Amino acid sequence: MSNPVKLGIIGCDTSHVLVFSDTFNNPASKQALPGARVVAAYPGGSHDLESSISRVPGYTKELKEKFGVQIMDSIEAVVAASDAILHTTLDGRVHLEQFQRIAAAANGKPVFVDKPFALHTVDARAIFNTAKKLNTPIFTSSSLRFTGALTRVVTPETKPLVRGAQFHGPAAMEVTNPGFFWYGIHPIEMLYTTMGRGCRSVTCTSNEHYDLITGTWGDGRIGTVHCNRTGNYEYHGLVHFEKQSAHVNVQTETKGFFTCLAEAIMQFIATRQPPVEAEETIELIRFIEAANESRDNGGRVVLL
């Protein structure tokens, strides 16, 4: 790589920063991708979120010593040293404030925002409005959107033919990033990858160990997400077409879904065209809000 894209990381409180650095900075990695290198990082961390702040020292040390990443003392310093930004902060509560700082300093540099993008629809809209105002290309997604197990089934040609879908995944809970924003976002992202926009109402049936989220689309299609907190970390799906159904089994993939996400990020940086539209992300955030509301209070929640 004569002139690799210089990537900057905002938030060293998630294992994703190690995965990205291994992908871009370690030529010997099984998931290595050429064309970019993580060069700078801002540690961050939320002091009232144990799974955030407890990870910062170790991950920061590994980024510096194993991957040669320069650790900076501000968001703005990382942006200045980089061509594109990986906004990986674990805590969705601070994404809006951090992104506003990133975009103000970025001068149009592209930004990938890791999950959870936002915890409220109003914040999601505010992030996209900031990006538009400051001409900052942006997208967000769970890595599960790009797994080959799903993208081979749901293609641009087959997506209009989808009649319904069911997805399964784990959904550990975290009070600061409530309900399905924390981990349930992954199978929900797979559902939206398959069904697209247009959900009109959501219901959620829950107990201590399981949740069943049902979304009804405006054209009558139904999509469901089954979540568990029993230790089953597998991701599966059934995509229904008019005459047949297709199984999505992420566990059988030899190419990791983070590698697929990294490829999508590189394409986004090169073209400045987001692979996920802003309005789809905003509706997905509203879907999760509605699922959380139904989980807490019961009943059907209409998406407005």
C-alpha atoms as a PDB file:
ATOM      1  CA  MET A   1       0.000   0.000   0.000  1.00  0.00           C
ATOM      2  CA  SER A   2       1.756   3.139  -1.177  1.00  0.00           C
ATOM      3  CA  ASN A   3      -0.943   5.528   0.011  1.00  0.00           C
ATOM      4  CA  PRO A   4      -3.385   3.712   2.286  1.00  0.00           C
ATOM      5  CA  VAL A   5      -6.470   5.520   3.571  1.00  0.00           C
ATOM      6  CA  LYS A   6      -5.702   6.802   7.058  1.00  0.00           C
ATOM      7  CA  LEU A   7      -8.460   5.732   9.469  1.00  0.00           C
ATOM      8  CA  GLY A   8      -9.135   7.366  12.822  1.00  0.00           C
ATOM      9  CA  ILE A   9     -11.007   5.684  15.663  1.00  0.00           C
ATOM     10  CA  ILE A  10     -13.263   7.575  18.079  1.00  0.00           C
ATOM     11  CA  GLY A  11     -13.958   5.420  21.140  1.00  0.00           C
ATOM     12  CA  CYS A  12     -11.702   2.587  22.346  1.00  0.00           C
ATOM     13  CA  ASP A  13     -14.337   0.922  24.537  1.00  0.00           C
ATOM     14  CA  THR A  14     -15.444  -1.867  22.212  1.00  0.00           C
ATOM     15  CA  SER A  15     -13.716  -4.955  20.868  1.00  0.00           C
ATOM     16  CA  HIS A  16     -14.647  -3.708  17.402  1.00  0.00           C
ATOM     17  CA  VAL A  17     -11.598  -1.410  17.468  1.00  0.00           C
ATOM     18  CA  LEU A  18      -9.319  -4.444  17.751  1.00  0.00           C
ATOM     19  CA  VAL A  19     -11.144  -6.220  14.935  1.00  0.00           C
ATOM     20  CA  PHE A  20     -10.879  -3.200  12.643  1.00  0.00           C
ATOM     21  CA  SER A  21      -7.203  -2.686  13.506  1.00  0.00           C
ATOM     22  CA  ASP A  22      -6.413  -6.346  12.886  1.00  0.00           C
ATOM     23  CA  THR A  23      -8.228  -6.140   9.556  1.00  0.00           C
ATOM     24  CA  PHE A  24      -6.450  -3.023   8.320  1.00  0.00           C
ATOM     25  CA  ASN A  25      -3.084  -3.043  10.148  1.00  0.00           C
ATOM     26  CA  ASN A  26      -2.143  -6.721  10.244  1.00  0.00           C
ATOM     27  CA  PRO A  27      -1.213  -8.151   6.827  1.00  0.00           C
ATOM     28  CA  ALA A  28      -0.930 -11.620   8.396  1.00  0.00           C
ATOM     29  CA  SER A  29      -4.529 -11.579   9.627  1.00  0.00           C
ATOM     30  CA  LYS A  30      -6.963 -14.071   8.102  1.00  0.00           C
ATOM     31  CA  GLN A  31      -9.337 -11.122   7.589  1.00  0.00           C
ATOM     32  CA  ALA A  32      -6.727  -8.639   6.311  1.00  0.00           C
ATOM     33  CA  LEU A  33      -7.885  -6.024   3.821  1.00  0.00           C
ATOM     34  CA  PRO A  34      -5.527  -3.775   1.866  1.00  0.00           C
ATOM     35  CA  GLY A  35      -6.005  -0.092   1.184  1.00  0.00           C
ATOM     36  CA  ALA A  36      -6.365   1.410   4.670  1.00  0.00           C
ATOM     37  CA  ARG A  37      -4.613   1.665   8.014  1.00  0.00           C
ATOM     38  CA  VAL A  38      -5.826   2.748  11.450  1.00  0.00           C
ATOM     39  CA  VAL A  39      -3.402   5.539  12.394  1.00  0.00           C
ATOM     40  CA  ALA A  40      -4.990   7.399  15.324  1.00  0.00           C
ATOM     41  CA  ALA A  41      -7.507   6.854  18.116  1.00  0.00           C
ATOM     42  CA  TYR A  42      -9.268   8.780  20.878  1.00  0.00           C
ATOM     43  CA  PRO A  43      -9.948   6.533  23.917  1.00  0.00           C
ATOM     44  CA  GLY A  44     -13.217   8.046  25.207  1.00  0.00           C
ATOM     45  CA  GLY A  45     -15.320   5.814  27.456  1.00  0.00           C
ATOM     46  CA  SER A  46     -18.439   6.367  29.592  1.00  0.00           C
ATOM     47  CA  HIS A  47     -17.751   6.374  33.338  1.00  0.00           C
ATOM     48  CA  ASP A  48     -21.270   5.243  34.275  1.00  0.00           C
ATOM     49  CA  LEU A  49     -21.157   2.263  31.882  1.00  0.00           C
ATOM     50  CA  GLU A  50     -18.904  -0.456  33.269  1.00  0.00           C
ATOM     51  CA  SER A  51     -18.614  -2.401  30.031  1.00  0.00           C
ATOM     52  CA  SER A  52     -17.367   0.803  28.404  1.00  0.00           C
ATOM     53  CA  ILE A  53     -14.936   2.396  30.833  1.00  0.00           C
ATOM     54  CA  SER A  54     -13.433  -0.891  32.047  1.00  0.00           C
ATOM     55  CA  ARG A  55     -12.292  -1.781  28.530  1.00  0.00           C
ATOM     56  CA  VAL A  56     -10.619   1.489  27.570  1.00  0.00           C
ATOM     57  CA  PRO A  57      -7.182   0.955  29.188  1.00  0.00           C
ATOM     58  CA  GLY A  58      -6.647  -2.523  27.754  1.00  0.00           C
ATOM     59  CA  TYR A  59      -7.922  -1.795  24.271  1.00  0.00           C
ATOM     60  CA  THR A  60      -6.002   1.488  24.093  1.00  0.00           C
ATOM     61  CA  LYS A  61      -2.791  -0.266  25.122  1.00  0.00           C
ATOM     62  CA  GLU A  62      -3.289  -2.989  22.512  1.00  0.00           C
ATOM     63  CA  LEU A  63      -4.029  -0.488  19.754  1.00  0.00           C
ATOM     64  CA  LYS A  64      -0.827   1.362  20.547  1.00  0.00           C
ATOM     65  CA  GLU A  65       1.541  -1.556  21.188  1.00  0.00           C
ATOM     66  CA  LYS A  66       0.229  -4.233  18.811  1.00  0.00           C
ATOM     67  CA  PHE A  67      -1.114  -2.182  15.922  1.00  0.00           C
ATOM     68  CA  GLY A  68       1.008   0.990  16.074  1.00  0.00           C
ATOM     69  CA  VAL A  69      -1.950   3.342  16.469  1.00  0.00           C
ATOM     70  CA  GLN A  70      -1.196   6.823  17.814  1.00  0.00           C
ATOM     71  CA  ILE A  71      -3.372   7.651  20.824  1.00  0.00           C
ATOM     72  CA  MET A  72      -4.678  11.239  20.753  1.00  0.00           C
ATOM     73  CA  ASP A  73      -6.133  13.382  23.533  1.00  0.00           C
ATOM     74  CA  SER A  74      -9.101  14.767  21.582  1.00  0.00           C
ATOM     75  CA  ILE A  75     -11.643  13.881  18.927  1.00  0.00           C
ATOM     76  CA  GLU A  76     -10.481  16.805  16.829  1.00  0.00           C
ATOM     77  CA  ALA A  77      -6.857  15.619  16.844  1.00  0.00           C
ATOM     78  CA  VAL A  78      -7.887  12.207  15.523  1.00  0.00           C
ATOM     79  CA  VAL A  79     -10.009  13.771  12.778  1.00  0.00           C
ATOM     80  CA  ALA A  80      -7.112  15.996  11.712  1.00  0.00           C
ATOM     81  CA  ALA A  81      -4.764  13.005  11.434  1.00  0.00           C
ATOM     82  CA  SER A  82      -7.202  10.868   9.411  1.00  0.00           C
ATOM     83  CA  ASP A  83      -8.814  10.599   5.983  1.00  0.00           C
ATOM     84  CA  ALA A  84     -11.931   8.855   7.315  1.00  0.00           C
ATOM     85  CA  ILE A  85     -13.405   8.144  10.737  1.00  0.00           C
ATOM     86  CA  LEU A  86     -14.636   4.992  12.470  1.00  0.00           C
ATOM     87  CA  HIS A  87     -16.934   6.305  15.218  1.00  0.00           C
ATOM     88  CA  THR A  88     -16.902   3.203  17.407  1.00  0.00           C
ATOM     89  CA  THR A  89     -17.956   4.621  20.794  1.00  0.00           C
ATOM     90  CA  LEU A  90     -19.891   1.873  22.580  1.00  0.00           C
ATOM     91  CA  ASP A  91     -22.418   4.166  24.299  1.00  0.00           C
ATOM     92  CA  GLY A  92     -25.188   5.371  22.008  1.00  0.00           C
ATOM     93  CA  ARG A  93     -26.099   8.150  24.431  1.00  0.00           C
ATOM     94  CA  VAL A  94     -23.053  10.211  23.429  1.00  0.00           C
ATOM     95  CA  HIS A  95     -23.052   9.620  19.675  1.00  0.00           C
ATOM     96  CA  LEU A  96     -24.862  12.854  18.796  1.00  0.00           C
ATOM     97  CA  GLU A  97     -22.523  15.112  20.778  1.00  0.00           C
ATOM     98  CA  GLN A  98     -19.427  13.278  19.560  1.00  0.00           C
ATOM     99  CA  PHE A  99     -20.576  13.223  15.949  1.00  0.00           C
ATOM    100  CA  GLN A 100     -21.222  16.962  16.018  1.00  0.00           C
ATOM    101  CA  ARG A 101     -17.584  17.439  17.034  1.00  0.00           C
ATOM    102  CA  ILE A 102     -16.375  14.976  14.419  1.00  0.00           C
ATOM    103  CA  ALA A 103     -18.347  16.602  11.597  1.00  0.00           C
ATOM    104  CA  ALA A 104     -17.321  20.124  12.622  1.00  0.00           C
ATOM    105  CA  ALA A 105     -13.673  19.121  12.287  1.00  0.00           C
ATOM    106  CA  ALA A 106     -13.960  16.677   9.394  1.00  0.00           C
ATOM    107  CA  ASN A 107     -14.259  19.074   6.437  1.00  0.00           C
ATOM    108  CA  GLY A 108     -16.256  16.477   4.527  1.00  0.00           C
ATOM    109  CA  LYS A 109     -14.323  13.361   5.542  1.00  0.00           C
ATOM    110  CA  PRO A 110     -16.529  10.234   5.542  1.00  0.00           C
ATOM    111  CA  VAL A 111     -17.671   8.750   8.861  1.00  0.00           C
ATOM    112  CA  PHE A 112     -18.879   5.267   9.759  1.00  0.00           C
ATOM    113  CA  VAL A 113     -20.872   5.205  13.015  1.00  0.00           C
ATOM    114  CA  ASP A 114     -21.003   1.890  14.856  1.00  0.00           C
ATOM    115  CA  LYS A 115     -24.095   0.628  16.648  1.00  0.00           C
ATOM    116  CA  PRO A 116     -26.099   1.745  18.517  1.00  0.00           C
ATOM    117  CA  PHE A 117     -26.350   4.765  16.224  1.00  0.00           C
ATOM    118  CA  ALA A 118     -28.792   6.622  18.478  1.00  0.00           C
ATOM    119  CA  LEU A 119     -31.218   5.786  21.258  1.00  0.00           C
ATOM    120  CA  HIS A 120     -33.991   8.120  20.096  1.00  0.00           C
ATOM    121  CA  THR A 121     -35.403   8.914  16.674  1.00  0.00           C
ATOM    122  CA  VAL A 122     -34.928  12.631  17.310  1.00  0.00           C
ATOM    123  CA  ASP A 123     -31.201  12.086  17.910  1.00  0.00           C
ATOM    124  CA  ALA A 124     -30.886   9.952  14.784  1.00  0.00           C
ATOM    125  CA  ARG A 125     -32.443  12.741  12.711  1.00  0.00           C
ATOM    126  CA  ALA A 126     -30.178  15.298  14.382  1.00  0.00           C
ATOM    127  CA  ILE A 127     -27.061  13.294  13.447  1.00  0.00           C
ATOM    128  CA  PHE A 128     -28.129  13.041   9.821  1.00  0.00           C
ATOM    129  CA  ASN A 129     -29.110  16.720   9.735  1.00  0.00           C
ATOM    130  CA  THR A 130     -25.669  17.653  11.065  1.00  0.00           C
ATOM    131  CA  ALA A 131     -24.043  15.448   8.444  1.00  0.00           C
ATOM    132  CA  LYS A 132     -26.054  17.088   5.664  1.00  0.00           C
ATOM    133  CA  LYS A 133     -25.382  20.605   6.916  1.00  0.00           C
ATOM    134  CA  LEU A 134     -21.631  19.996   7.129  1.00  0.00           C
ATOM    135  CA  ASN A 135     -21.418  17.872   3.953  1.00  0.00           C
ATOM    136  CA  THR A 136     -20.181  14.823   5.864  1.00  0.00           C
ATOM    137  CA  PRO A 137     -20.832  11.423   4.232  1.00  0.00           C
ATOM    138  CA  ILE A 138     -22.141   9.055   6.900  1.00  0.00           C
ATOM    139  CA  PHE A 139     -23.620   5.641   7.371  1.00  0.00           C
ATOM    140  CA  THR A 140     -24.277   3.235  10.203  1.00  0.00           C
ATOM    141  CA  SER A 141     -25.052  -0.448  10.362  1.00  0.00           C
ATOM    142  CA  SER A 142     -24.675  -3.613  12.340  1.00  0.00           C
ATOM    143  CA  SER A 143     -22.067  -5.866  10.771  1.00  0.00           C
ATOM    144  CA  LEU A 144     -24.767  -8.546  10.389  1.00  0.00           C
ATOM    145  CA  ARG A 145     -26.325  -6.597   7.518  1.00  0.00           C
ATOM    146  CA  PHE A 146     -23.367  -7.538   5.320  1.00  0.00           C
ATOM    147  CA  THR A 147     -22.856 -11.227   6.120  1.00  0.00           C
ATOM    148  CA  GLY A 148     -22.747 -13.336   2.996  1.00  0.00           C
ATOM    149  CA  ALA A 149     -25.307 -15.678   4.539  1.00  0.00           C
ATOM    150  CA  LEU A 150     -27.835 -12.855   4.134  1.00  0.00           C
ATOM    151  CA  THR A 151     -26.598 -10.981   1.065  1.00  0.00           C
ATOM    152  CA  ARG A 152     -26.644 -14.134  -1.067  1.00  0.00           C
ATOM    153  CA  VAL A 153     -30.328 -14.606  -0.232  1.00  0.00           C
ATOM    154  CA  VAL A 154     -31.432 -10.968  -0.272  1.00  0.00           C
ATOM    155  CA  THR A 155     -30.011  -9.400  -3.420  1.00  0.00           C
ATOM    156  CA  PRO A 156     -31.172  -6.309  -5.339  1.00  0.00           C
ATOM    157  CA  GLU A 157     -33.071  -8.728  -7.594  1.00  0.00           C
ATOM    158  CA  THR A 158     -34.741 -10.833  -4.890  1.00  0.00           C
ATOM    159  CA  LYS A 159     -35.486  -8.146  -2.290  1.00  0.00           C
ATOM    160  CA  PRO A 160     -38.648  -6.904  -4.098  1.00  0.00           C
ATOM    161  CA  LEU A 161     -39.933 -10.484  -4.014  1.00  0.00           C
ATOM    162  CA  VAL A 162     -39.674 -10.926  -0.232  1.00  0.00           C
ATOM    163  CA  ARG A 163     -43.051 -11.712   1.361  1.00  0.00           C
ATOM    164  CA  GLY A 164     -41.922 -11.943   4.986  1.00  0.00           C
ATOM    165  CA  ALA A 165     -39.020 -12.893   7.237  1.00  0.00           C
ATOM    166  CA  GLN A 166     -38.041 -14.257  10.640  1.00  0.00           C
ATOM    167  CA  PHE A 167     -34.716 -13.655  12.366  1.00  0.00           C
ATOM    168  CA  HIS A 168     -33.142 -14.911  15.574  1.00  0.00           C
ATOM    169  CA  GLY A 169     -30.295 -13.630  17.720  1.00  0.00           C
ATOM    170  CA  PRO A 170     -29.130 -12.845  21.261  1.00  0.00           C
ATOM    171  CA  ALA A 171     -30.391  -9.745  23.075  1.00  0.00           C
ATOM    172  CA  ALA A 172     -28.498  -9.020  26.270  1.00  0.00           C
ATOM    173  CA  MET A 173     -29.830  -5.909  28.027  1.00  0.00           C
ATOM    174  CA  GLU A 174     -28.034  -2.793  29.306  1.00  0.00           C
ATOM    175  CA  VAL A 175     -30.000  -0.186  31.263  1.00  0.00           C
ATOM    176  CA  THR A 176     -28.076   2.806  29.875  1.00  0.00           C
ATOM    177  CA  ASN A 177     -28.759   1.757  26.266  1.00  0.00           C
ATOM    178  CA  PRO A 178     -32.182   0.287  26.874  1.00  0.00           C
ATOM    179  CA  GLY A 179     -33.917  -2.728  25.464  1.00  0.00           C
ATOM    180  CA  PHE A 180     -33.010  -3.828  21.970  1.00  0.00           C
ATOM    181  CA  PHE A 181     -30.594  -0.970  21.238  1.00  0.00           C
ATOM    182  CA  TRP A 182     -27.789  -2.803  23.033  1.00  0.00           C
ATOM    183  CA  TYR A 183     -27.681  -6.190  21.312  1.00  0.00           C
ATOM    184  CA  GLY A 184     -31.076  -6.898  19.787  1.00  0.00           C
ATOM    185  CA  ILE A 185     -30.198  -4.346  17.124  1.00  0.00           C
ATOM    186  CA  HIS A 186     -28.282  -7.054  15.212  1.00  0.00           C
ATOM    187  CA  PRO A 187     -31.188  -9.339  14.199  1.00  0.00           C
ATOM    188  CA  ILE A 188     -33.380  -6.245  13.753  1.00  0.00           C
ATOM    189  CA  GLU A 189     -30.836  -4.898  11.271  1.00  0.00           C
ATOM    190  CA  MET A 190     -31.017  -8.212   9.422  1.00  0.00           C
ATOM    191  CA  LEU A 191     -34.803  -7.885   9.308  1.00  0.00           C
ATOM    192  CA  TYR A 192     -34.588  -4.399   7.809  1.00  0.00           C
ATOM    193  CA  THR A 193     -31.956  -5.519   5.316  1.00  0.00           C
ATOM    194  CA  THR A 194     -34.506  -8.061   4.134  1.00  0.00           C
ATOM    195  CA  MET A 195     -37.821  -6.214   4.407  1.00  0.00           C
ATOM    196  CA  GLY A 196     -36.808  -2.623   3.736  1.00  0.00           C
ATOM    197  CA  ARG A 197     -38.716   0.404   4.949  1.00  0.00           C
ATOM    198  CA  GLY A 198     -42.468   0.612   5.467  1.00  0.00           C
ATOM    199  CA  CYS A 199     -43.196  -0.951   8.869  1.00  0.00           C
ATOM    200  CA  ARG A 200     -46.395   0.493  10.324  1.00  0.00           C
ATOM    201  CA  SER A 201     -46.749  -1.159  13.746  1.00  0.00           C
ATOM    202  CA  VAL A 202     -44.797  -3.231  16.251  1.00  0.00           C
ATOM    203  CA  THR A 203     -45.720  -5.570  19.091  1.00  0.00           C
ATOM    204  CA  CYS A 204     -43.403  -7.354  21.499  1.00  0.00           C
ATOM    205  CA  THR A 205     -44.094 -10.347  23.723  1.00  0.00           C
ATOM    206  CA  SER A 206     -41.444 -10.888  26.404  1.00  0.00           C
ATOM    207  CA  ASN A 207     -40.450 -12.798  29.491  1.00  0.00           C
ATOM    208  CA  GLU A 208     -37.203 -13.148  31.427  1.00  0.00           C
ATOM    209  CA  HIS A 209     -35.423 -15.147  28.744  1.00  0.00           C
ATOM    210  CA  TYR A 210     -37.122 -14.436  25.417  1.00  0.00           C
ATOM    211  CA  ASP A 211     -38.657 -11.714  23.273  1.00  0.00           C
ATOM    212  CA  LEU A 212     -40.726 -11.988  20.115  1.00  0.00           C
ATOM    213  CA  ILE A 213     -40.965  -8.745  18.143  1.00  0.00           C
ATOM    214  CA  THR A 214     -43.529  -8.621  15.356  1.00  0.00           C
ATOM    215  CA  GLY A 215     -43.578  -5.862  12.767  1.00  0.00           C
ATOM    216  CA  THR A 216     -46.419  -5.353  10.302  1.00  0.00           C
ATOM    217  CA  TRP A 217     -45.529  -3.529   7.097  1.00  0.00           C
ATOM    218  CA  GLY A 218     -47.885  -1.220   5.244  1.00  0.00           C
ATOM    219  CA  ASP A 219     -48.284  -3.703   2.385  1.00  0.00           C
ATOM    220  CA  GLY A 220     -49.383  -6.465   4.779  1.00  0.00           C
ATOM    221  CA  ARG A 221     -46.080  -8.303   5.086  1.00  0.00           C
ATOM    222  CA  ILE A 222     -45.032  -9.474   8.540  1.00  0.00           C
ATOM    223  CA  GLY A 223     -41.494  -9.715   9.886  1.00  0.00           C
ATOM    224  CA  THR A 224     -40.435 -11.096  13.258  1.00  0.00           C
ATOM    225  CA  VAL A 225     -37.345 -11.096  15.465  1.00  0.00           C
ATOM    226  CA  HIS A 226     -36.877 -13.725  18.166  1.00  0.00           C
ATOM    227  CA  CYS A 227     -34.365 -12.743  20.861  1.00  0.00           C
ATOM    228  CA  ASN A 228     -32.922 -14.779  23.713  1.00  0.00           C
ATOM    229  CA  ARG A 229     -30.862 -14.347  26.864  1.00  0.00           C
ATOM    230  CA  THR A 230     -30.101 -18.033  27.381  1.00  0.00           C
ATOM    231  CA  GLY A 231     -26.612 -18.215  25.885  1.00  0.00           C
ATOM    232  CA  ASN A 232     -27.604 -18.940  22.277  1.00  0.00           C
ATOM    233  CA  TYR A 233     -25.410 -16.530  20.312  1.00  0.00           C
ATOM    234  CA  GLU A 234     -26.207 -17.875  16.862  1.00  0.00           C
ATOM    235  CA  TYR A 235     -27.847 -15.760  14.159  1.00  0.00           C
ATOM    236  CA  HIS A 236     -30.393 -17.406  11.910  1.00  0.00           C
ATOM    237  CA  GLY A 237     -33.141 -16.303   9.595  1.00  0.00           C
ATOM    238  CA  LEU A 238     -35.888 -17.483   7.283  1.00  0.00           C
ATOM    239  CA  VAL A 239     -36.678 -15.308   4.295  1.00  0.00           C
ATOM    240  CA  HIS A 240     -40.038 -16.069   2.718  1.00  0.00           C
ATOM    241  CA  PHE A 241     -40.797 -15.665  -0.959  1.00  0.00           C
ATOM    242  CA  GLU A 242     -44.071 -16.476  -2.687  1.00  0.00           C
ATOM    243  CA  LYS A 243     -43.209 -20.105  -3.497  1.00  0.00           C
ATOM    244  CA  GLN A 244     -40.234 -20.905  -1.260  1.00  0.00           C
ATOM    245  CA  SER A 245     -38.252 -19.917   1.819  1.00  0.00           C
ATOM    246  CA  ALA A 246     -34.515 -19.572   2.289  1.00  0.00           C
ATOM    247  CA  HIS A 247     -32.505 -20.258   5.459  1.00  0.00           C
ATOM    248  CA  VAL A 248     -29.928 -17.677   6.555  1.00  0.00           C
ATOM    249  CA  ASN A 249     -27.287 -19.384   8.718  1.00  0.00           C
ATOM    250  CA  VAL A 250     -24.495 -17.019   9.721  1.00  0.00           C
ATOM    251  CA  GLN A 251     -22.625 -19.792  11.560  1.00  0.00           C
ATOM    252  CA  THR A 252     -21.730 -21.600   8.325  1.00  0.00           C
ATOM    253  CA  GLU A 253     -19.863 -18.622   6.873  1.00  0.00           C
ATOM    254  CA  THR A 254     -16.091 -18.846   6.505  1.00  0.00           C
ATOM    255  CA  LYS A 255     -15.839 -15.112   5.822  1.00  0.00           C
ATOM    256  CA  GLY A 256     -16.558 -13.149   8.980  1.00  0.00           C
ATOM    257  CA  PHE A 257     -19.290 -10.528   9.035  1.00  0.00           C
ATOM    258  CA  PHE A 258     -16.829  -7.901  10.298  1.00  0.00           C
ATOM    259  CA  THR A 259     -14.722  -8.492   7.193  1.00  0.00           C
ATOM    260  CA  CYS A 260     -17.840  -7.945   5.105  1.00  0.00           C
ATOM    261  CA  LEU A 261     -18.558  -4.731   7.021  1.00  0.00           C
ATOM    262  CA  ALA A 262     -14.960  -3.541   6.537  1.00  0.00           C
ATOM    263  CA  GLU A 263     -15.330  -4.091   2.795  1.00  0.00           C
ATOM    264  CA  ALA A 264     -18.538  -2.052   2.807  1.00  0.00           C
ATOM    265  CA  ILE A 265     -16.779   0.734   4.717  1.00  0.00           C
ATOM    266  CA  MET A 266     -13.936   0.810   2.184  1.00  0.00           C
ATOM    267  CA  GLN A 267     -16.433   1.019  -0.674  1.00  0.00           C
ATOM    268  CA  PHE A 268     -18.238   3.829   1.152  1.00  0.00           C
ATOM    269  CA  ILE A 269     -14.986   5.756   1.643  1.00  0.00           C
ATOM    270  CA  ALA A 270     -14.088   5.356  -2.028  1.00  0.00           C
ATOM    271  CA  THR A 271     -17.493   6.371  -3.413  1.00  0.00           C
ATOM    272  CA  ARG A 272     -18.834   8.550  -0.569  1.00  0.00           C
ATOM    273  CA  GLN A 273     -22.161   6.781  -1.194  1.00  0.00           C
ATOM    274  CA  PRO A 274     -23.679   5.188   1.951  1.00  0.00           C
ATOM    275  CA  PRO A 275     -24.825   1.576   1.520  1.00  0.00           C
ATOM    276  CA  VAL A 276     -27.717   2.227   3.931  1.00  0.00           C
ATOM    277  CA  GLU A 277     -30.033   5.190   3.395  1.00  0.00           C
ATOM    278  CA  ALA A 278     -30.575   7.651   6.225  1.00  0.00           C
ATOM    279  CA  GLU A 279     -34.347   7.171   6.196  1.00  0.00           C
ATOM    280  CA  GLU A 280     -33.989   3.418   6.620  1.00  0.00           C
ATOM    281  CA  THR A 281     -31.741   3.916   9.635  1.00  0.00           C
ATOM    282  CA  ILE A 282     -34.166   6.438  11.137  1.00  0.00           C
ATOM    283  CA  GLU A 283     -37.083   4.030  10.714  1.00  0.00           C
ATOM    284  CA  LEU A 284     -35.017   1.205  12.222  1.00  0.00           C
ATOM    285  CA  ILE A 285     -34.331   3.357  15.304  1.00  0.00           C
ATOM    286  CA  ARG A 286     -38.052   4.109  15.565  1.00  0.00           C
ATOM    287  CA  PHE A 287     -38.794   0.367  15.217  1.00  0.00           C
ATOM    288  CA  ILE A 288     -36.537  -0.339  18.209  1.00  0.00           C
ATOM    289  CA  GLU A 289     -38.143   2.473  20.211  1.00  0.00           C
ATOM    290  CA  ALA A 290     -41.556   0.957  19.493  1.00  0.00           C
ATOM    291  CA  ALA A 291     -40.394  -2.568  20.355  1.00  0.00           C
ATOM    292  CA  ASN A 292     -39.020  -1.291  23.660  1.00  0.00           C
ATOM    293  CA  GLU A 293     -42.269   0.527  24.397  1.00  0.00           C
ATOM    294  CA  SER A 294     -44.348  -2.560  23.629  1.00  0.00           C
ATOM    295  CA  ARG A 295     -42.007  -4.718  25.708  1.00  0.00           C
ATOM    296  CA  ASP A 296     -42.398  -2.398  28.708  1.00  0.00           C
ATOM    297  CA  ASN A 297     -46.085  -1.567  28.446  1.00  0.00           C
ATOM    298  CA  GLY A 298     -47.682  -4.212  26.235  1.00  0.00           C
ATOM    299  CA  GLY A 299     -49.851  -3.709  23.218  1.00  0.00           C
ATOM    300  CA  ARG A 300     -49.375  -2.558  19.674  1.00  0.00           C
ATOM    301  CA  VAL A 301     -47.271   0.538  18.958  1.00  0.00           C
ATOM    302  CA  VAL A 302     -47.835   2.475  15.762  1.00  0.00           C
ATOM    303  CA  LEU A 303     -44.824   3.906  13.949  1.00  0.00           C
ATOM    304  CA  LEU A 304     -45.458   7.510  12.953  1.00  0.00           C
END
